[in-house]
Protein backbone atom coordinates (compact mmCIF):
# COMPACT_ATOMS: atom_id res chain seq x y z
CA UNK A 1 -9.46 -22.40 -6.98
CA UNK A 2 -8.44 -24.97 -4.44
CA UNK A 3 -11.25 -24.17 -2.06
CA UNK A 4 -11.03 -27.65 -0.57
CA UNK A 5 -7.63 -26.87 1.00
CA UNK A 6 -8.37 -23.27 1.91
CA UNK A 7 -7.60 -22.27 5.48
CA UNK A 8 -10.12 -20.11 7.29
CA UNK A 9 -7.53 -17.75 8.74
CA UNK A 10 -5.80 -15.02 6.79
CA UNK A 11 -2.03 -15.16 6.40
CA UNK A 12 0.53 -12.56 7.45
CA UNK A 13 3.71 -12.59 5.34
CA UNK A 14 6.58 -11.12 7.31
CA UNK A 15 10.30 -11.36 7.98
CA UNK A 16 12.02 -9.13 10.54
CA UNK A 17 14.87 -8.67 8.05
CA UNK A 18 12.53 -6.44 6.03
CA UNK A 19 13.44 -3.67 8.46
CA UNK A 20 16.79 -3.60 6.64
CA UNK A 21 15.10 -1.57 3.90
CA UNK A 22 16.54 1.64 5.34
CA UNK A 23 18.13 4.53 3.49
CA UNK A 24 19.69 6.38 6.44
CA UNK A 25 18.76 7.44 9.96
CA UNK A 26 17.27 10.80 8.95
CA UNK A 27 15.20 9.43 6.05
CA UNK A 28 11.40 9.60 6.52
CA UNK A 29 10.89 6.03 5.25
CA UNK A 30 11.50 4.09 8.44
CA UNK A 31 10.69 0.39 8.57
CA UNK A 32 10.73 0.42 12.36
CA UNK A 33 6.99 0.89 11.79
CA UNK A 34 6.85 -2.85 10.99
CA UNK A 35 8.19 -3.66 14.45
CA UNK A 36 5.70 -1.33 16.15
CA UNK A 37 2.79 -2.82 14.22
CA UNK A 38 3.74 -6.45 14.77
CA UNK A 39 4.26 -5.76 18.47
CA UNK A 40 0.86 -4.04 18.71
CA UNK A 41 -0.86 -7.04 17.13
CA UNK A 42 1.00 -9.44 19.38
CA UNK A 43 0.18 -7.44 22.50
CA UNK A 44 -3.44 -7.65 21.40
CA UNK A 45 -3.16 -11.40 20.86
CA UNK A 46 -4.22 -10.94 17.24
CA UNK A 47 -1.20 -12.40 15.44
CA UNK A 48 -0.87 -16.15 16.13
CA UNK A 49 2.27 -17.91 14.94
CA UNK A 50 0.07 -20.11 12.75
CA UNK A 51 -0.81 -17.06 10.64
CA UNK A 52 2.81 -16.13 9.89
CA UNK A 53 4.54 -17.04 6.65
CA UNK A 54 8.17 -16.24 5.89
CA UNK A 55 9.09 -15.11 2.39
CA UNK A 56 11.98 -16.02 0.13
CA UNK A 57 13.75 -13.40 -1.94
CA UNK A 58 12.47 -12.86 -5.47
CA UNK A 59 14.68 -14.24 -8.23
CA UNK A 60 16.09 -12.00 -10.93
CA UNK A 61 13.69 -13.65 -13.37
CA UNK A 62 10.80 -12.56 -11.15
CA UNK A 63 12.19 -9.02 -10.84
CA UNK A 64 12.23 -8.84 -14.62
CA UNK A 65 8.44 -9.07 -14.60
CA UNK A 66 8.50 -5.33 -13.83
CA UNK A 67 12.10 -4.16 -14.28
CA UNK A 68 14.67 -4.13 -17.06
CA UNK A 69 17.79 -6.27 -16.87
CA UNK A 70 20.10 -3.26 -16.97
CA UNK A 71 18.27 -1.62 -14.06
CA UNK A 72 18.54 -4.78 -11.95
CA UNK A 73 22.26 -4.97 -12.75
CA UNK A 74 22.66 -1.33 -11.68
CA UNK A 75 20.86 -1.94 -8.38
CA UNK A 76 23.07 -4.96 -7.69
CA UNK A 77 26.24 -3.04 -8.51
CA UNK A 78 25.26 -0.02 -6.43
CA UNK A 79 24.39 -2.30 -3.51
CA UNK A 80 28.04 -3.11 -2.93
CA UNK A 81 29.92 -1.61 0.01
CA UNK A 82 32.22 0.19 -2.42
CA UNK A 83 30.52 0.42 -5.85
CA UNK A 84 32.79 0.74 -8.87
CA UNK A 85 33.33 4.26 -10.15
CA UNK A 86 31.73 3.42 -13.49
CA UNK A 87 28.49 2.48 -11.73
CA UNK A 88 28.59 5.51 -9.45
CA UNK A 89 28.71 7.73 -12.53
CA UNK A 90 25.49 6.10 -13.73
CA UNK A 91 23.66 6.25 -10.41
CA UNK A 92 21.68 9.36 -11.40
CA UNK A 93 20.44 7.65 -14.55
CA UNK A 94 18.83 4.99 -12.36
CA UNK A 95 17.31 7.38 -9.83
CA UNK A 96 19.88 7.07 -7.04
CA UNK A 97 21.34 10.55 -6.90
CA UNK A 98 18.74 12.45 -4.90
CA UNK A 99 17.70 12.65 -1.29
CA UNK A 100 14.45 10.79 -1.93
CA UNK A 101 15.93 7.44 -2.92
CA UNK A 102 19.64 7.29 -2.10
CA UNK A 103 21.47 4.02 -2.65
CA UNK A 104 22.52 1.93 0.35
CA UNK A 105 24.57 -1.19 0.94
CA UNK A 106 22.58 -4.38 0.41
CA UNK A 107 19.57 -2.67 -1.17
CA UNK A 108 19.23 -5.32 -3.89
CA UNK A 109 19.09 -8.16 -1.38
CA UNK A 110 16.60 -6.61 1.04
CA UNK A 111 14.34 -5.24 -1.70
CA UNK A 112 14.32 -8.64 -3.40
CA UNK A 113 13.07 -10.04 -0.09
CA UNK A 114 10.24 -7.48 -0.04
CA UNK A 115 9.28 -8.43 -3.59
CA UNK A 116 9.44 -12.13 -2.75
CA UNK A 117 7.10 -11.55 0.18
CA UNK A 118 4.46 -9.95 -2.04
CA UNK A 119 4.81 -12.82 -4.51
CA UNK A 120 4.31 -15.29 -1.67
CA UNK A 121 1.17 -13.44 -0.59
CA UNK A 122 -0.22 -13.85 -4.13
CA UNK A 123 0.73 -17.54 -4.22
CA UNK A 124 -0.92 -18.23 -0.87
CA UNK A 125 -4.17 -16.68 -2.08
CA UNK A 126 -4.24 -17.88 -5.68
CA UNK A 127 -3.30 -21.46 -4.71
CA UNK A 128 -6.31 -21.55 -2.41
CA UNK A 129 -4.38 -21.99 0.82
CA UNK A 130 -6.03 -18.86 2.18
CA UNK A 131 -8.44 -16.18 0.99
CA UNK A 132 -6.59 -13.13 2.33
CA UNK A 133 -2.89 -12.37 2.76
CA UNK A 134 -1.16 -9.26 4.09
CA UNK A 135 2.40 -8.15 3.42
CA UNK A 136 2.95 -4.89 5.30
CA UNK A 137 6.52 -4.47 4.10
CA UNK A 138 5.41 -4.13 0.47
CA UNK A 139 3.60 -1.47 -1.51
CA UNK A 140 6.67 0.17 -3.07
CA UNK A 141 4.49 1.63 -5.78
CA UNK A 142 6.69 4.40 -7.21
CA UNK A 143 9.55 2.31 -8.63
CA UNK A 144 9.60 2.42 -12.44
CA UNK A 145 10.85 -0.12 -14.94
CA UNK A 146 14.26 1.53 -15.26
CA UNK A 147 14.44 3.83 -12.27
CA UNK A 148 14.12 4.09 -8.51
CA UNK A 149 11.76 6.82 -7.31
CA UNK A 150 9.88 8.03 -4.26
CA UNK A 151 11.65 5.83 -1.69
CA UNK A 152 11.02 2.76 -3.89
CA UNK A 153 13.71 0.58 -5.51
CA UNK A 154 11.85 -2.47 -6.87
CA UNK A 155 8.11 -2.33 -7.43
CA UNK A 156 6.84 -5.36 -5.51
CA UNK A 157 3.21 -4.56 -6.37
CA UNK A 158 3.85 -4.59 -10.12
CA UNK A 159 5.88 -7.80 -9.90
CA UNK A 160 3.23 -9.54 -7.79
CA UNK A 161 0.39 -8.47 -10.10
CA UNK A 162 2.25 -9.61 -13.21
CA UNK A 163 3.03 -12.90 -11.45
CA UNK A 164 -0.67 -13.39 -10.68
CA UNK A 165 -1.53 -12.70 -14.30
CA UNK A 166 1.17 -14.94 -15.78
CA UNK A 167 1.01 -17.83 -13.32
CA UNK A 168 -2.73 -17.99 -12.64
CA UNK A 169 -4.34 -16.09 -15.51
CA UNK A 170 -5.88 -13.71 -12.98
CA UNK A 171 -7.62 -10.47 -13.85
CA UNK A 172 -6.38 -8.13 -11.14
CA UNK A 173 -7.97 -5.03 -9.64
CA UNK A 174 -5.25 -2.95 -7.98
CA UNK A 175 -6.49 -0.42 -5.40
CA UNK A 176 -4.02 2.21 -4.19
CA UNK A 177 -5.04 4.27 -1.13
CA UNK A 178 -1.68 5.94 -0.52
CA UNK A 179 -1.90 9.74 -0.52
CA UNK A 180 0.73 9.77 -3.28
CA UNK A 181 -0.36 8.56 -6.72
CA UNK A 182 0.50 4.93 -7.49
CA UNK A 183 2.37 5.91 -10.63
CA UNK A 184 4.79 3.00 -10.97
CA UNK A 185 2.01 0.42 -10.90
CA UNK A 186 -0.16 2.48 -13.24
CA UNK A 187 2.56 2.75 -15.87
CA UNK A 188 3.37 -0.97 -15.56
CA UNK A 189 -0.14 -1.84 -16.73
CA UNK A 190 -1.23 1.23 -18.68
CA UNK A 191 -1.80 -0.82 -21.85
CA UNK A 192 -2.77 -4.12 -20.16
CA UNK A 193 -6.53 -4.79 -20.23
CA UNK A 194 -6.32 -7.65 -17.71
CA UNK A 195 -5.21 -5.29 -14.92
CA UNK A 196 -7.31 -2.39 -13.63
CA UNK A 197 -5.49 0.19 -11.51
CA UNK A 198 -7.46 2.53 -9.24
CA UNK A 199 -5.69 5.18 -7.19
CA UNK A 200 -7.14 7.72 -4.77
CA UNK A 201 -4.55 10.33 -3.81
CA UNK A 202 -3.89 13.99 -3.26
CA UNK A 203 -3.80 15.83 -6.56
CA UNK A 204 -0.42 15.95 -8.24
CA UNK A 205 -0.72 19.72 -8.61
CA UNK A 206 1.03 20.07 -5.27
CA UNK A 207 2.41 16.65 -4.36
CA UNK A 208 4.89 14.04 -5.60
CA UNK A 209 4.88 12.39 -8.10
CA UNK A 210 2.78 14.97 -9.97
CA UNK A 211 0.82 12.36 -11.92
CA UNK A 212 -2.56 10.70 -11.43
CA UNK A 213 -4.82 13.15 -13.24
CA UNK A 214 -8.35 11.97 -13.87
CA UNK A 215 -7.74 11.88 -17.63
CA UNK A 216 -5.01 9.23 -17.31
CA UNK A 217 -7.24 6.32 -18.33
CA UNK A 218 -5.03 3.71 -20.02
CA UNK A 219 -4.32 3.25 -23.69
CA UNK A 220 -5.26 0.96 -26.56
CA UNK A 221 -7.40 -2.00 -25.49
CA UNK A 222 -6.76 -1.01 -21.87
CA UNK A 223 -8.47 2.36 -22.16
CA UNK A 224 -10.76 2.73 -19.16
CA UNK A 225 -8.85 0.29 -16.94
CA UNK A 226 -6.84 3.10 -15.34
CA UNK A 227 -8.88 5.09 -12.82
CA UNK A 228 -7.61 8.05 -10.82
CA UNK A 229 -9.33 10.05 -8.08
CA UNK A 230 -7.08 13.07 -7.34
CA UNK A 231 -8.59 14.80 -4.32
CA UNK A 232 -7.94 18.33 -3.15
CA UNK A 233 -5.51 19.29 -0.38
CA UNK A 234 -7.18 19.33 3.07
CA UNK A 235 -9.75 16.75 2.05
CA UNK A 236 -11.35 15.20 5.15
CA UNK A 237 -12.80 11.78 5.98
CA UNK A 238 -16.33 12.13 4.58
CA UNK A 239 -15.24 13.43 1.18
CA UNK A 240 -12.34 10.95 0.85
CA UNK A 241 -14.60 7.99 1.61
CA UNK A 242 -17.46 9.26 -0.56
CA UNK A 243 -15.14 9.45 -3.56
CA UNK A 244 -13.48 6.09 -2.97
CA UNK A 245 -16.59 4.08 -2.17
CA UNK A 246 -18.67 5.16 -5.14
CA UNK A 247 -15.88 4.87 -7.70
CA UNK A 248 -14.55 1.61 -6.32
CA UNK A 249 -17.99 0.00 -6.20
CA UNK A 250 -18.52 0.81 -9.88
CA UNK A 251 -15.00 -0.21 -10.89
CA UNK A 252 -15.24 -3.61 -9.21
CA UNK A 253 -18.67 -4.30 -10.69
CA UNK A 254 -17.46 -3.26 -14.14
CA UNK A 255 -14.09 -5.07 -14.12
CA UNK A 256 -15.08 -8.19 -12.09
CA UNK A 257 -11.57 -9.20 -10.98
CA UNK A 258 -10.28 -12.65 -10.04
CA UNK A 259 -7.98 -11.05 -7.45
CA UNK A 260 -7.86 -7.75 -5.59
CA UNK A 261 -4.44 -6.36 -4.68
CA UNK A 262 -4.63 -3.29 -2.44
CA UNK A 263 -1.93 -0.87 -1.31
CA UNK A 264 -2.44 0.69 2.11
CA UNK A 265 -0.16 3.67 2.46
CA UNK A 266 -1.45 5.53 5.52
CA UNK A 267 -0.11 8.99 4.75
CA UNK A 268 -3.48 10.66 4.11
CA UNK A 269 -3.77 11.09 7.88
CA UNK A 270 -3.69 14.64 9.22
CA UNK A 271 -0.58 13.84 11.27
CA UNK A 272 1.48 12.78 8.26
CA UNK A 273 4.29 15.26 7.53
CA UNK A 274 4.53 14.62 3.78
CA UNK A 275 1.06 15.50 2.48
CA UNK A 276 -1.78 17.99 2.88
CA UNK A 277 -4.81 15.69 3.24
CA UNK A 278 -6.55 15.92 6.62
CA UNK A 279 -8.13 12.55 7.32
CA UNK A 280 -8.40 10.67 10.62
CA UNK A 281 -8.04 7.04 11.64
CA UNK A 282 -11.67 6.54 10.62
CA UNK A 283 -10.71 6.06 6.97
CA UNK A 284 -8.23 3.34 7.96
CA UNK A 285 -11.06 1.51 9.65
CA UNK A 286 -13.46 2.06 6.74
CA UNK A 287 -11.28 1.36 3.68
CA UNK A 288 -10.30 -2.23 4.58
CA UNK A 289 -13.95 -2.97 5.36
CA UNK A 290 -14.97 -1.68 1.91
CA UNK A 291 -12.28 -3.68 0.10
CA UNK A 292 -13.05 -6.81 2.15
CA UNK A 293 -16.70 -6.63 1.13
CA UNK A 294 -15.84 -6.17 -2.54
CA UNK A 295 -13.40 -9.10 -2.47
CA UNK A 296 -16.13 -11.44 -1.29
CA UNK A 297 -18.61 -10.02 -3.77
CA UNK A 298 -16.47 -10.03 -6.90
CA UNK A 299 -13.20 -11.99 -6.55
CA UNK A 300 -14.19 -15.07 -4.57
CA UNK A 301 -12.68 -13.52 -1.47
CA UNK A 302 -9.19 -13.45 -3.04
CA UNK A 303 -7.46 -10.40 -1.56
CA UNK A 304 -3.78 -9.50 -1.16
CA UNK A 305 -2.99 -6.35 0.84
CA UNK A 306 0.33 -4.50 0.87
CA UNK A 307 1.73 -1.68 3.00
CA UNK A 308 3.07 1.52 1.47
CA UNK A 309 3.73 5.05 2.67
CA UNK A 310 3.18 6.39 6.15
CA UNK A 311 5.61 8.78 7.77
CA UNK A 312 4.12 9.35 11.20
CA UNK A 313 5.23 5.86 12.12
CA UNK A 314 4.61 6.32 15.84
CA UNK A 315 1.04 7.59 15.99
CA UNK A 316 -0.52 6.52 12.70
CA UNK A 317 1.05 3.52 10.97
CA UNK A 318 0.81 0.90 13.75
CA UNK A 319 -2.87 1.65 14.33
CA UNK A 320 -3.77 1.83 10.62
CA UNK A 321 -2.02 -1.37 9.62
CA UNK A 322 -3.30 -3.19 12.70
CA UNK A 323 -6.85 -2.18 11.78
CA UNK A 324 -6.21 -3.58 8.29
CA UNK A 325 -5.10 -6.95 9.68
CA UNK A 326 -7.98 -7.07 12.17
CA UNK A 327 -10.42 -6.58 9.28
CA UNK A 328 -8.69 -9.13 7.03
CA UNK A 329 -8.63 -11.74 9.78
CA UNK A 330 -12.22 -11.14 10.96
CA UNK A 331 -10.97 -10.40 14.46
CA UNK A 332 -13.61 -9.75 17.15
CA UNK A 333 -12.01 -6.36 17.79
CA UNK A 334 -13.59 -5.09 14.55
CA UNK A 335 -17.10 -5.44 15.92
CA UNK A 336 -16.02 -4.20 19.34
CA UNK A 337 -14.62 -0.99 17.82
CA UNK A 338 -17.97 -0.36 16.17
CA UNK A 339 -19.58 -0.43 19.61
CA UNK A 340 -16.74 1.29 21.49
CA UNK A 341 -15.03 3.89 19.27
CA UNK A 342 -13.02 5.17 22.26
CA UNK A 343 -11.50 1.73 22.90
CA UNK A 344 -7.97 2.03 24.27
CA UNK A 345 -4.79 0.56 22.85
CA UNK A 346 -3.09 -2.20 24.86
CA UNK A 347 -1.37 -0.66 27.90
CA UNK A 348 1.60 -2.98 27.45
CA UNK A 349 2.22 -1.65 23.94
CA UNK A 350 2.07 1.97 25.09
CA UNK A 351 4.47 1.19 27.95
CA UNK A 352 6.87 -0.53 25.54
CA UNK A 353 7.08 2.25 22.95
CA UNK A 354 6.28 5.57 24.64
CA UNK A 355 9.81 5.88 26.10
CA UNK A 356 11.20 5.76 22.54
CA UNK A 357 8.63 8.01 20.84
CA UNK A 358 9.43 11.71 20.28
CA UNK A 359 5.69 12.46 20.47
CA UNK A 360 2.93 11.41 22.83
CA UNK A 361 1.36 8.22 21.56
CA UNK A 362 -2.42 8.10 21.15
CA UNK A 363 -4.21 6.11 23.84
CA UNK A 364 -7.09 4.91 21.65
CA UNK A 365 -7.41 2.98 18.40
CA UNK A 366 -9.40 5.75 16.72
CA UNK A 367 -8.96 9.51 16.89
CA UNK A 368 -11.38 11.51 19.00
CA UNK A 369 -12.29 13.58 15.90
CA UNK A 370 -12.82 16.79 17.84
CA UNK A 371 -10.66 18.53 15.27
CA UNK A 372 -11.54 21.95 13.90
CA UNK A 373 -13.10 21.59 10.43
CA UNK A 374 -10.88 22.61 7.55
CA UNK A 375 -11.48 26.02 5.98
CA UNK A 376 -13.18 25.74 2.58
CA UNK A 377 -14.62 22.33 3.47
CA UNK A 378 -17.70 22.97 1.30
CA UNK A 379 -15.64 24.03 -1.71
CA UNK A 380 -13.22 21.11 -1.31
CA UNK A 381 -16.07 18.61 -1.10
CA UNK A 382 -17.74 20.07 -4.19
CA UNK A 383 -14.51 19.92 -6.20
CA UNK A 384 -13.91 16.33 -5.15
CA UNK A 385 -17.43 15.40 -6.26
CA UNK A 386 -16.70 16.82 -9.71
CA UNK A 387 -13.53 14.74 -9.85
CA UNK A 388 -15.42 11.65 -8.71
CA UNK A 389 -17.93 12.04 -11.54
CA UNK A 390 -15.13 12.40 -14.09
CA UNK A 391 -13.40 9.31 -12.70
CA UNK A 392 -16.56 7.26 -13.29
CA UNK A 393 -17.13 8.55 -16.81
CA UNK A 394 -16.36 5.24 -18.52
CA UNK A 395 -17.70 2.91 -15.81
CA UNK A 396 -21.14 1.69 -16.79
């Protein structure tokens, strides 16, 4: 697919205006994490201007790939500085009446930009201009066809996947590593055999959105193309990675995608305030490496990565998303971290952000992992293994 014009370097789709996706100052979803991550990569010298691509906003026609016309009209109307009373009365119907996803001025415009950025990432990869593209501002995986949910207004992942399928005829493997189940994307393609959705997440027994059970497998001709790995609360690195690696290896070999789209919420970290999984930065080094290897084995290297959740945006998100980009771009730091796991973060980045952080920033890329093991580790690992086996039931 256009290999003759393919650039060697990966592309980084970004616009500083994406930080305008902001509900209010006390809301846990804070896009300042984009600024911290970009600054970390620049302080490292790992984000050359030649790698940057600016997005254009998605059109309403593109938004309709995943959302209904009436929902888009509601978002536009509720984006006004003073929405009409008739629309305010309908806000709850469209998911905008709770503290999770409150409406805000200009939300249609800025979320359309986020969607457009994920579409551009797909176009850059599927046109052959690059093999890998990252859009950190995306991954809004909870938005439903007719409703905002879970901090998500438009579902950029679903739009981008449908665009890849329509425009390029691509079979897409979607991998969701956010600690919250990727429900919006799953339901978008639950009866679509050309899209396989795989989500590893904390079980919905205790965590939003309450879905993602192992027996949610797709329907009709798409049965078996929906794969869920709901892990137990207080799951740690080894069990998380064991489950993901084995299931994902089998899923990729079985489905043989033309394109991998991955969502990299980094809220399974022990520091994250909104979940109960107890992983370290090690998984955010390991998961991109696993996906990178599978992309080159099964999808001709075609890989689009998106951001997602992550609510300790001082200590976790900048390191996790930087590790993702370093892996995607084959940066020498990847090999160096293998040799020097206690490698320190750039001093200039720490000096820039520590005065603003309410917590002490970590000094190293990876955690020291001297944490006390979780109680019931053996039982948790055994339960996760049972779940893993059920998840692979229809993968031969």
